[in-house]
C-alpha atoms as a PDB file:
ATOM      1  CA  UNK A   1      51.440 121.011 102.056  1.00  0.00           C
ATOM      2  CA  UNK A   2      51.912 124.750 102.337  1.00  0.00           C
ATOM      3  CA  UNK A   3      51.642 126.582  99.041  1.00  0.00           C
ATOM      4  CA  UNK A   4      50.353 123.602  97.074  1.00  0.00           C
ATOM      5  CA  UNK A   5      47.384 124.282  94.809  1.00  0.00           C
ATOM      6  CA  UNK A   6      45.242 121.333  93.760  1.00  0.00           C
ATOM      7  CA  UNK A   7      43.708 121.980  90.360  1.00  0.00           C
ATOM      8  CA  UNK A   8      40.295 120.483  89.514  1.00  0.00           C
ATOM      9  CA  UNK A   9      41.957 117.669  87.529  1.00  0.00           C
ATOM     10  CA  UNK A  10      43.951 116.648  90.601  1.00  0.00           C
ATOM     11  CA  UNK A  11      47.218 118.112  89.346  1.00  0.00           C
ATOM     12  CA  UNK A  12      49.268 119.638  92.152  1.00  0.00           C
ATOM     13  CA  UNK A  13      51.386 122.775  91.693  1.00  0.00           C
ATOM     14  CA  UNK A  14      53.378 124.456  94.443  1.00  0.00           C
ATOM     15  CA  UNK A  15      53.536 128.229  94.487  1.00  0.00           C
ATOM     16  CA  UNK A  16      56.121 130.019  96.579  1.00  0.00           C
ATOM     17  CA  UNK A  17      58.149 133.150  97.098  1.00  0.00           C
ATOM     18  CA  UNK A  18      61.841 132.789  96.333  1.00  0.00           C
ATOM     19  CA  UNK A  19      62.672 135.215  99.172  1.00  0.00           C
ATOM     20  CA  UNK A  20      61.533 132.543 101.612  1.00  0.00           C
ATOM     21  CA  UNK A  21      63.385 129.331 102.428  1.00  0.00           C
ATOM     22  CA  UNK A  22      62.543 126.220 100.466  1.00  0.00           C
ATOM     23  CA  UNK A  23      59.524 124.641 102.170  1.00  0.00           C
ATOM     24  CA  UNK A  24      59.674 121.172 103.637  1.00  0.00           C
ATOM     25  CA  UNK A  25      58.588 118.292 101.466  1.00  0.00           C
ATOM     26  CA  UNK A  26      59.714 116.875  98.154  1.00  0.00           C
ATOM     27  CA  UNK A  27      61.759 119.118  95.890  1.00  0.00           C
ATOM     28  CA  UNK A  28      60.205 120.038  92.555  1.00  0.00           C
ATOM     29  CA  UNK A  29      61.362 118.358  89.383  1.00  0.00           C
ATOM     30  CA  UNK A  30      60.524 121.490  87.358  1.00  0.00           C
ATOM     31  CA  UNK A  31      60.194 125.147  88.329  1.00  0.00           C
ATOM     32  CA  UNK A  32      58.938 128.168  86.451  1.00  0.00           C
ATOM     33  CA  UNK A  33      60.551 131.331  87.857  1.00  0.00           C
ATOM     34  CA  UNK A  34      58.721 134.587  87.211  1.00  0.00           C
ATOM     35  CA  UNK A  35      61.207 137.393  87.804  1.00  0.00           C
ATOM     36  CA  UNK A  36      62.390 140.615  86.217  1.00  0.00           C
ATOM     37  CA  UNK A  37      65.992 139.400  86.534  1.00  0.00           C
ATOM     38  CA  UNK A  38      67.737 136.087  86.087  1.00  0.00           C
ATOM     39  CA  UNK A  39      66.906 133.759  89.007  1.00  0.00           C
ATOM     40  CA  UNK A  40      69.388 131.935  91.223  1.00  0.00           C
ATOM     41  CA  UNK A  41      70.395 128.437  90.188  1.00  0.00           C
ATOM     42  CA  UNK A  42      68.449 125.524  91.668  1.00  0.00           C
ATOM     43  CA  UNK A  43      69.177 121.798  91.831  1.00  0.00           C
ATOM     44  CA  UNK A  44      66.243 120.882  89.564  1.00  0.00           C
ATOM     45  CA  UNK A  45      65.211 121.825  86.047  1.00  0.00           C
ATOM     46  CA  UNK A  46      63.965 125.402  85.876  1.00  0.00           C
ATOM     47  CA  UNK A  47      62.751 127.855  83.287  1.00  0.00           C
ATOM     48  CA  UNK A  48      62.919 131.625  83.652  1.00  0.00           C
ATOM     49  CA  UNK A  49      60.146 133.850  82.363  1.00  0.00           C
ATOM     50  CA  UNK A  50      60.992 137.579  82.467  1.00  0.00           C
ATOM     51  CA  UNK A  51      58.132 139.105  84.450  1.00  0.00           C
ATOM     52  CA  UNK A  52      58.742 142.382  86.341  1.00  0.00           C
ATOM     53  CA  UNK A  53      57.233 142.727  89.818  1.00  0.00           C
ATOM     54  CA  UNK A  54      53.613 143.982  89.822  1.00  0.00           C
ATOM     55  CA  UNK A  55      53.454 143.821  86.008  1.00  0.00           C
ATOM     56  CA  UNK A  56      52.843 141.301  83.259  1.00  0.00           C
ATOM     57  CA  UNK A  57      55.203 138.978  81.390  1.00  0.00           C
ATOM     58  CA  UNK A  58      57.568 140.820  79.049  1.00  0.00           C
ATOM     59  CA  UNK A  59      56.820 138.303  76.268  1.00  0.00           C
ATOM     60  CA  UNK A  60      53.211 137.101  76.315  1.00  0.00           C
ATOM     61  CA  UNK A  61      53.777 134.360  73.735  1.00  0.00           C
ATOM     62  CA  UNK A  62      56.656 132.955  75.803  1.00  0.00           C
ATOM     63  CA  UNK A  63      54.458 133.199  78.891  1.00  0.00           C
ATOM     64  CA  UNK A  64      51.706 131.177  77.228  1.00  0.00           C
ATOM     65  CA  UNK A  65      54.188 128.530  76.159  1.00  0.00           C
ATOM     66  CA  UNK A  66      55.801 128.336  79.613  1.00  0.00           C
ATOM     67  CA  UNK A  67      52.452 128.117  81.414  1.00  0.00           C
ATOM     68  CA  UNK A  68      51.212 125.396  79.062  1.00  0.00           C
ATOM     69  CA  UNK A  69      54.451 123.485  79.713  1.00  0.00           C
ATOM     70  CA  UNK A  70      54.095 123.827  83.498  1.00  0.00           C
ATOM     71  CA  UNK A  71      50.467 122.660  83.379  1.00  0.00           C
ATOM     72  CA  UNK A  72      51.307 119.653  81.186  1.00  0.00           C
ATOM     73  CA  UNK A  73      54.270 118.646  83.336  1.00  0.00           C
ATOM     74  CA  UNK A  74      52.180 118.900  86.519  1.00  0.00           C
ATOM     75  CA  UNK A  75      50.280 115.813  85.396  1.00  0.00           C
ATOM     76  CA  UNK A  76      53.282 113.575  86.193  1.00  0.00           C
ATOM     77  CA  UNK A  77      55.925 115.822  87.813  1.00  0.00           C
ATOM     78  CA  UNK A  78      56.358 118.041  90.867  1.00  0.00           C
ATOM     79  CA  UNK A  79      55.988 121.559  89.465  1.00  0.00           C
ATOM     80  CA  UNK A  80      56.726 124.792  91.279  1.00  0.00           C
ATOM     81  CA  UNK A  81      55.742 128.306  90.196  1.00  0.00           C
ATOM     82  CA  UNK A  82      57.734 131.012  91.969  1.00  0.00           C
ATOM     83  CA  UNK A  83      58.315 134.743  92.009  1.00  0.00           C
ATOM     84  CA  UNK A  84      59.978 136.869  94.692  1.00  0.00           C
ATOM     85  CA  UNK A  85      57.011 137.125  97.062  1.00  0.00           C
ATOM     86  CA  UNK A  86      54.814 134.262  95.874  1.00  0.00           C
ATOM     87  CA  UNK A  87      51.566 136.220  95.497  1.00  0.00           C
ATOM     88  CA  UNK A  88      51.166 138.529  92.497  1.00  0.00           C
ATOM     89  CA  UNK A  89      53.027 136.924  89.619  1.00  0.00           C
ATOM     90  CA  UNK A  90      52.812 133.436  91.123  1.00  0.00           C
ATOM     91  CA  UNK A  91      49.087 133.830  91.791  1.00  0.00           C
ATOM     92  CA  UNK A  92      48.536 135.123  88.260  1.00  0.00           C
ATOM     93  CA  UNK A  93      50.386 132.142  86.782  1.00  0.00           C
ATOM     94  CA  UNK A  94      48.490 129.701  89.016  1.00  0.00           C
ATOM     95  CA  UNK A  95      45.200 131.269  87.908  1.00  0.00           C
ATOM     96  CA  UNK A  96      46.265 130.749  84.278  1.00  0.00           C
ATOM     97  CA  UNK A  97      46.992 127.087  85.069  1.00  0.00           C
ATOM     98  CA  UNK A  98      43.503 126.856  86.572  1.00  0.00           C
ATOM     99  CA  UNK A  99      42.102 128.172  83.273  1.00  0.00           C
ATOM    100  CA  UNK A 100      44.049 125.508  81.380  1.00  0.00           C
ATOM    101  CA  UNK A 101      42.619 122.960  83.808  1.00  0.00           C
ATOM    102  CA  UNK A 102      39.029 123.939  83.033  1.00  0.00           C
ATOM    103  CA  UNK A 103      38.198 126.710  85.504  1.00  0.00           C
ATOM    104  CA  UNK A 104      36.335 129.488  83.630  1.00  0.00           C
ATOM    105  CA  UNK A 105      38.709 132.435  83.170  1.00  0.00           C
ATOM    106  CA  UNK A 106      36.408 134.818  85.047  1.00  0.00           C
ATOM    107  CA  UNK A 107      36.459 132.476  88.076  1.00  0.00           C
ATOM    108  CA  UNK A 108      40.143 131.554  88.060  1.00  0.00           C
ATOM    109  CA  UNK A 109      41.377 134.380  90.316  1.00  0.00           C
ATOM    110  CA  UNK A 110      38.734 133.551  92.935  1.00  0.00           C
ATOM    111  CA  UNK A 111      39.692 129.873  92.694  1.00  0.00           C
ATOM    112  CA  UNK A 112      43.355 130.632  93.379  1.00  0.00           C
ATOM    113  CA  UNK A 113      42.510 133.053  96.185  1.00  0.00           C
ATOM    114  CA  UNK A 114      40.357 130.393  97.833  1.00  0.00           C
ATOM    115  CA  UNK A 115      42.726 127.441  97.382  1.00  0.00           C
ATOM    116  CA  UNK A 116      46.195 129.065  97.411  1.00  0.00           C
ATOM    117  CA  UNK A 117      46.424 132.569  98.936  1.00  0.00           C
ATOM    118  CA  UNK A 118      43.704 135.098  99.678  1.00  0.00           C
ATOM    119  CA  UNK A 119      45.812 137.985  98.357  1.00  0.00           C
ATOM    120  CA  UNK A 120      47.052 136.263  95.189  1.00  0.00           C
ATOM    121  CA  UNK A 121      46.923 138.200  91.890  1.00  0.00           C
ATOM    122  CA  UNK A 122      47.706 141.712  93.077  1.00  0.00           C
ATOM    123  CA  UNK A 123      46.908 144.163  90.284  1.00  0.00           C
ATOM    124  CA  UNK A 124      43.952 144.900  88.002  1.00  0.00           C
ATOM    125  CA  UNK A 125      46.091 144.211  84.927  1.00  0.00           C
ATOM    126  CA  UNK A 126      47.103 140.804  86.344  1.00  0.00           C
ATOM    127  CA  UNK A 127      43.416 139.968  86.850  1.00  0.00           C
ATOM    128  CA  UNK A 128      42.658 141.107  83.287  1.00  0.00           C
ATOM    129  CA  UNK A 129      45.572 138.964  81.990  1.00  0.00           C
ATOM    130  CA  UNK A 130      43.941 135.900  83.578  1.00  0.00           C
ATOM    131  CA  UNK A 131      40.496 136.652  82.131  1.00  0.00           C
ATOM    132  CA  UNK A 132      42.020 136.900  78.642  1.00  0.00           C
ATOM    133  CA  UNK A 133      44.338 133.895  79.008  1.00  0.00           C
ATOM    134  CA  UNK A 134      43.747 130.884  76.732  1.00  0.00           C
END
């Protein structure tokens, strides 16, 4: 399916841009929204992480907790990671999930660019965030 990243463990996580219509296929059971402002309501459980466009999460500890939760839930649930455009913040978060799934942090951005979107993770500081993520 479009936007779905398969992690090495087999977990599936859908990345998308909230500016686009909901893609076809099953709805998520949990979403992590990465926006600088409160996201619109959705029909499934969602968590908002304040993350301004082109930047990094406002609260790094909260980001770590939210990303660990999304990764853990992806083992048995349909998880979606979404920002406005679906590339920079979403790609950064997906790369962090890849790190949690065993991809070496220095290879995680390349993994997401190969398996999700070639232009994912847009800024140098987003790439550095991934390499330092644990």
